[in-house]
């Protein structure tokens, strides 16, 4: 099996992804959208979890999603607790490392 196919496969329940690994996936999505000259992308916790893993891993997914919020990004749907419904809008027109984290601005 080519290397590309191996990395595209979903992870099994035996090797769940970490919040840091999800954060890397989110940054890659943001960079891809930026390269396409998109203004923003919306990321949903449930969809992101299903894209990369077979089992539910919402604590790590939600942690990564909120950790990757930068100033100017926003919550589309912010349910209480850890939920597959969590949805955020990341603005990707400016991916400058000078942008502060969302929670540092509050």
N, C-alpha and C. Protein backbone atom coordinates (compact mmCIF):
# COMPACT_ATOMS: atom_id res chain seq x y z
N UNK A 1 0.85 -1.18 0.00
CA UNK A 1 0.00 0.00 0.00
C UNK A 1 0.90 1.24 0.00
N UNK A 2 0.66 2.19 -0.91
CA UNK A 2 1.47 3.41 -0.95
C UNK A 2 1.34 4.19 0.36
N UNK A 3 2.37 4.98 0.67
CA UNK A 3 2.41 5.75 1.92
C UNK A 3 1.22 6.69 2.03
N UNK A 4 0.80 7.28 0.92
CA UNK A 4 -0.32 8.22 0.96
C UNK A 4 -1.59 7.54 1.45
N UNK A 5 -1.82 6.29 1.00
CA UNK A 5 -3.02 5.58 1.42
C UNK A 5 -2.96 5.23 2.89
N UNK A 6 -1.77 4.90 3.38
CA UNK A 6 -1.63 4.56 4.79
C UNK A 6 -1.98 5.74 5.68
N UNK A 7 -1.54 6.93 5.31
CA UNK A 7 -1.81 8.10 6.14
C UNK A 7 -3.25 8.56 6.01
N UNK A 8 -3.91 8.23 4.90
CA UNK A 8 -5.29 8.63 4.68
C UNK A 8 -6.27 7.73 5.43
N UNK A 9 -5.83 6.53 5.82
CA UNK A 9 -6.71 5.61 6.54
C UNK A 9 -7.08 6.18 7.89
N UNK A 10 -8.25 5.83 8.33
CA UNK A 10 -8.67 6.23 9.67
C UNK A 10 -7.89 5.42 10.69
N UNK A 11 -7.67 6.01 11.82
CA UNK A 11 -6.99 5.31 12.89
C UNK A 11 -7.94 4.33 13.55
N UNK A 12 -7.39 3.26 14.05
CA UNK A 12 -8.20 2.27 14.76
C UNK A 12 -8.43 2.75 16.20
N UNK A 13 -9.29 2.05 16.90
CA UNK A 13 -9.59 2.41 18.29
C UNK A 13 -8.38 2.22 19.18
N UNK A 14 -7.43 1.40 18.77
CA UNK A 14 -6.26 1.12 19.60
C UNK A 14 -5.27 2.27 19.65
N UNK A 15 -5.32 3.15 18.71
CA UNK A 15 -4.35 4.24 18.65
C UNK A 15 -5.05 5.59 18.44
N UNK A 16 -5.74 6.09 19.46
CA UNK A 16 -6.47 7.35 19.30
C UNK A 16 -5.52 8.53 19.09
N UNK A 17 -6.00 9.51 18.35
CA UNK A 17 -5.21 10.71 18.09
C UNK A 17 -5.22 11.61 19.32
N UNK A 18 -4.17 12.38 19.44
CA UNK A 18 -4.06 13.35 20.53
C UNK A 18 -4.59 14.70 20.07
N UNK A 19 -4.78 15.60 21.01
CA UNK A 19 -5.21 16.97 20.67
C UNK A 19 -4.16 17.63 19.79
N UNK A 20 -2.89 17.37 20.05
CA UNK A 20 -1.82 17.96 19.24
C UNK A 20 -1.89 17.46 17.80
N UNK A 21 -2.22 16.19 17.61
CA UNK A 21 -2.34 15.66 16.25
C UNK A 21 -3.54 16.26 15.53
N UNK A 22 -4.64 16.43 16.26
CA UNK A 22 -5.80 17.09 15.67
C UNK A 22 -5.48 18.54 15.33
N UNK A 23 -4.73 19.21 16.18
CA UNK A 23 -4.35 20.60 15.92
C UNK A 23 -3.53 20.69 14.63
N UNK A 24 -2.65 19.73 14.41
CA UNK A 24 -1.87 19.69 13.16
C UNK A 24 -2.80 19.56 11.96
N UNK A 25 -3.80 18.70 12.05
CA UNK A 25 -4.77 18.51 10.96
C UNK A 25 -5.54 19.80 10.70
N UNK A 26 -5.92 20.49 11.76
CA UNK A 26 -6.65 21.75 11.62
C UNK A 26 -5.76 22.80 10.94
N UNK A 27 -4.52 22.91 11.38
CA UNK A 27 -3.59 23.87 10.75
C UNK A 27 -3.39 23.55 9.27
N UNK A 28 -3.33 22.28 8.93
CA UNK A 28 -3.19 21.89 7.52
C UNK A 28 -4.43 22.30 6.72
N UNK A 29 -5.61 22.11 7.31
CA UNK A 29 -6.85 22.53 6.65
C UNK A 29 -6.88 24.04 6.46
N UNK A 30 -6.44 24.77 7.47
CA UNK A 30 -6.41 26.23 7.39
C UNK A 30 -5.43 26.68 6.30
N UNK A 31 -4.27 26.05 6.24
CA UNK A 31 -3.28 26.42 5.23
C UNK A 31 -3.79 26.11 3.83
N UNK A 32 -4.43 24.97 3.66
CA UNK A 32 -4.98 24.60 2.36
C UNK A 32 -6.03 25.62 1.91
N UNK A 33 -6.91 26.01 2.82
CA UNK A 33 -7.94 27.00 2.50
C UNK A 33 -7.31 28.35 2.18
N UNK A 34 -6.28 28.71 2.93
CA UNK A 34 -5.56 29.97 2.68
C UNK A 34 -4.94 29.95 1.28
N UNK A 35 -4.33 28.83 0.92
CA UNK A 35 -3.71 28.70 -0.40
C UNK A 35 -4.73 28.80 -1.53
N UNK A 36 -5.97 28.46 -1.24
CA UNK A 36 -7.06 28.56 -2.23
C UNK A 36 -7.72 29.94 -2.21
N UNK A 37 -7.16 30.86 -1.38
CA UNK A 37 -7.69 32.22 -1.24
C UNK A 37 -9.10 32.27 -0.67
N UNK A 38 -9.43 31.32 0.18
CA UNK A 38 -10.71 31.34 0.87
C UNK A 38 -10.62 32.31 2.04
N UNK A 39 -11.73 32.86 2.43
CA UNK A 39 -11.78 33.79 3.56
C UNK A 39 -11.80 33.03 4.89
N UNK A 40 -12.58 31.96 4.96
CA UNK A 40 -12.71 31.21 6.20
C UNK A 40 -13.06 29.75 5.91
N UNK A 41 -12.93 28.92 6.95
CA UNK A 41 -13.44 27.56 6.92
C UNK A 41 -14.21 27.33 8.22
N UNK A 42 -15.19 26.46 8.16
CA UNK A 42 -15.89 26.06 9.37
C UNK A 42 -15.55 24.61 9.67
N UNK A 43 -15.25 24.36 10.92
CA UNK A 43 -14.86 23.02 11.35
C UNK A 43 -15.82 22.57 12.44
N UNK A 44 -16.39 21.40 12.25
CA UNK A 44 -17.31 20.80 13.19
C UNK A 44 -16.60 19.64 13.89
N UNK A 45 -16.73 19.55 15.20
CA UNK A 45 -16.03 18.53 15.98
C UNK A 45 -16.40 17.11 15.56
N UNK A 46 -17.67 16.85 15.39
CA UNK A 46 -18.10 15.51 14.99
C UNK A 46 -17.56 15.11 13.62
N UNK A 47 -17.63 16.04 12.68
CA UNK A 47 -17.13 15.75 11.33
C UNK A 47 -15.62 15.52 11.34
N UNK A 48 -14.90 16.35 12.09
CA UNK A 48 -13.44 16.20 12.15
C UNK A 48 -13.08 14.86 12.78
N UNK A 49 -13.76 14.49 13.84
CA UNK A 49 -13.51 13.20 14.49
C UNK A 49 -13.74 12.04 13.52
N UNK A 50 -14.88 12.06 12.82
CA UNK A 50 -15.19 10.98 11.88
C UNK A 50 -14.23 10.92 10.70
N UNK A 51 -13.69 12.07 10.32
CA UNK A 51 -12.76 12.11 9.19
C UNK A 51 -11.47 11.34 9.49
N UNK A 52 -11.04 11.35 10.74
CA UNK A 52 -9.74 10.77 11.07
C UNK A 52 -9.77 9.54 11.97
N UNK A 53 -10.89 9.28 12.64
CA UNK A 53 -10.94 8.15 13.56
C UNK A 53 -12.27 7.42 13.46
N UNK A 54 -12.20 6.12 13.77
CA UNK A 54 -13.41 5.30 13.78
C UNK A 54 -14.20 5.47 15.07
N UNK A 55 -13.50 5.61 16.18
CA UNK A 55 -14.14 5.74 17.49
C UNK A 55 -14.28 7.21 17.88
N UNK A 56 -15.23 7.47 18.75
CA UNK A 56 -15.43 8.84 19.24
C UNK A 56 -14.25 9.26 20.11
N UNK A 57 -13.72 10.43 19.84
CA UNK A 57 -12.58 10.97 20.58
C UNK A 57 -12.80 12.48 20.76
N UNK A 58 -13.99 12.85 21.20
CA UNK A 58 -14.40 14.25 21.19
C UNK A 58 -13.66 15.14 22.18
N UNK A 59 -13.16 14.59 23.26
CA UNK A 59 -12.41 15.43 24.20
C UNK A 59 -11.17 15.99 23.50
N UNK A 60 -10.44 15.13 22.81
CA UNK A 60 -9.23 15.58 22.11
C UNK A 60 -9.58 16.50 20.94
N UNK A 61 -10.63 16.17 20.22
CA UNK A 61 -11.05 17.00 19.07
C UNK A 61 -11.45 18.40 19.54
N UNK A 62 -12.30 18.47 20.54
CA UNK A 62 -12.78 19.77 21.02
C UNK A 62 -11.63 20.59 21.62
N UNK A 63 -10.72 19.93 22.29
CA UNK A 63 -9.56 20.63 22.84
C UNK A 63 -8.75 21.26 21.71
N UNK A 64 -8.49 20.49 20.65
CA UNK A 64 -7.72 21.00 19.52
C UNK A 64 -8.44 22.14 18.82
N UNK A 65 -9.73 21.99 18.62
CA UNK A 65 -10.51 23.02 17.92
C UNK A 65 -10.44 24.34 18.68
N UNK A 66 -10.64 24.30 19.99
CA UNK A 66 -10.62 25.54 20.75
C UNK A 66 -9.21 26.09 20.92
N UNK A 67 -8.22 25.21 21.01
CA UNK A 67 -6.83 25.68 21.12
C UNK A 67 -6.35 26.37 19.85
N UNK A 68 -6.91 26.02 18.71
CA UNK A 68 -6.49 26.60 17.44
C UNK A 68 -7.23 27.88 17.08
N UNK A 69 -8.15 28.32 17.94
CA UNK A 69 -8.84 29.58 17.69
C UNK A 69 -7.88 30.75 17.86
N UNK A 70 -7.90 31.67 16.90
CA UNK A 70 -7.09 32.88 16.95
C UNK A 70 -8.02 34.09 17.02
N UNK A 71 -7.46 35.25 17.35
CA UNK A 71 -8.28 36.46 17.41
C UNK A 71 -8.98 36.64 16.07
N UNK A 72 -10.25 36.96 16.11
CA UNK A 72 -11.04 37.13 14.91
C UNK A 72 -11.84 35.89 14.53
N UNK A 73 -11.41 34.71 14.96
CA UNK A 73 -12.16 33.49 14.71
C UNK A 73 -13.40 33.52 15.59
N UNK A 74 -14.38 32.67 15.29
CA UNK A 74 -15.61 32.71 16.08
C UNK A 74 -16.25 31.34 16.22
N UNK A 75 -17.11 31.24 17.23
CA UNK A 75 -17.90 30.04 17.42
C UNK A 75 -19.16 30.16 16.58
N UNK A 76 -19.47 29.14 15.83
CA UNK A 76 -20.73 29.08 15.10
C UNK A 76 -21.76 28.41 15.99
N UNK A 77 -21.35 27.32 16.66
CA UNK A 77 -22.19 26.63 17.62
C UNK A 77 -21.30 26.19 18.77
N UNK A 78 -21.60 26.70 19.96
CA UNK A 78 -20.78 26.43 21.14
C UNK A 78 -21.65 25.79 22.22
N UNK A 79 -21.88 24.48 22.11
CA UNK A 79 -22.70 23.80 23.11
C UNK A 79 -21.93 23.66 24.43
N UNK A 80 -22.63 23.38 25.49
CA UNK A 80 -21.98 23.16 26.78
C UNK A 80 -21.23 21.83 26.76
N UNK A 81 -20.07 21.82 27.36
CA UNK A 81 -19.30 20.58 27.46
C UNK A 81 -18.69 20.15 26.14
N UNK A 82 -18.26 18.93 26.13
CA UNK A 82 -17.65 18.35 24.93
C UNK A 82 -18.76 17.78 24.06
N UNK A 83 -18.86 18.27 22.83
CA UNK A 83 -19.98 17.87 21.99
C UNK A 83 -19.56 17.80 20.52
N UNK A 84 -20.14 16.85 19.81
CA UNK A 84 -19.90 16.73 18.37
C UNK A 84 -20.47 17.93 17.62
N UNK A 85 -21.34 18.69 18.27
CA UNK A 85 -21.97 19.85 17.63
C UNK A 85 -21.07 21.08 17.61
N UNK A 86 -19.98 21.08 18.40
CA UNK A 86 -19.08 22.24 18.43
C UNK A 86 -18.64 22.59 17.01
N UNK A 87 -18.87 23.82 16.61
CA UNK A 87 -18.50 24.28 15.27
C UNK A 87 -17.88 25.66 15.38
N UNK A 88 -16.73 25.84 14.75
CA UNK A 88 -16.06 27.14 14.77
C UNK A 88 -15.77 27.59 13.34
N UNK A 89 -15.60 28.90 13.22
CA UNK A 89 -15.20 29.49 11.94
C UNK A 89 -13.80 30.05 12.12
N UNK A 90 -12.87 29.49 11.35
CA UNK A 90 -11.50 29.98 11.35
C UNK A 90 -11.32 30.88 10.13
N UNK A 91 -10.90 32.10 10.35
CA UNK A 91 -10.60 33.00 9.23
C UNK A 91 -9.18 32.70 8.77
N UNK A 92 -9.05 32.39 7.50
CA UNK A 92 -7.77 31.92 6.96
C UNK A 92 -7.13 32.90 6.00
N UNK A 93 -7.71 34.08 5.84
CA UNK A 93 -7.11 35.08 4.96
C UNK A 93 -5.81 35.61 5.54
N UNK A 94 -5.66 35.55 6.87
CA UNK A 94 -4.46 36.02 7.54
C UNK A 94 -4.00 34.95 8.52
N UNK A 95 -2.98 34.21 8.16
CA UNK A 95 -2.46 33.16 9.04
C UNK A 95 -1.16 33.60 9.71
N UNK A 96 -1.00 34.88 9.89
CA UNK A 96 0.20 35.42 10.50
C UNK A 96 0.42 34.84 11.90
N UNK A 97 1.66 34.47 12.21
CA UNK A 97 1.95 33.98 13.57
C UNK A 97 1.80 35.07 14.62
N UNK A 98 1.62 36.32 14.19
CA UNK A 98 1.42 37.43 15.13
C UNK A 98 0.00 37.49 15.69
N UNK A 99 -0.94 36.76 15.06
CA UNK A 99 -2.31 36.75 15.58
C UNK A 99 -2.30 36.07 16.94
N UNK A 100 -2.97 36.70 17.88
CA UNK A 100 -3.02 36.16 19.24
C UNK A 100 -4.06 35.04 19.33
N UNK A 101 -3.88 34.19 20.33
CA UNK A 101 -4.87 33.15 20.59
C UNK A 101 -6.18 33.79 21.02
N UNK A 102 -7.27 33.17 20.67
CA UNK A 102 -8.62 33.66 20.95
C UNK A 102 -8.81 34.00 22.43
N UNK A 103 -8.37 33.10 23.30
CA UNK A 103 -8.60 33.30 24.72
C UNK A 103 -7.64 34.30 25.34
N UNK A 104 -6.57 34.67 24.64
CA UNK A 104 -5.67 35.71 25.12
C UNK A 104 -6.26 37.10 24.88
N UNK A 105 -7.19 37.21 23.96
CA UNK A 105 -7.80 38.49 23.59
C UNK A 105 -8.95 38.83 24.53
N UNK A 106 -9.60 37.83 25.08
CA UNK A 106 -10.78 38.06 25.93
C UNK A 106 -10.45 38.82 27.18
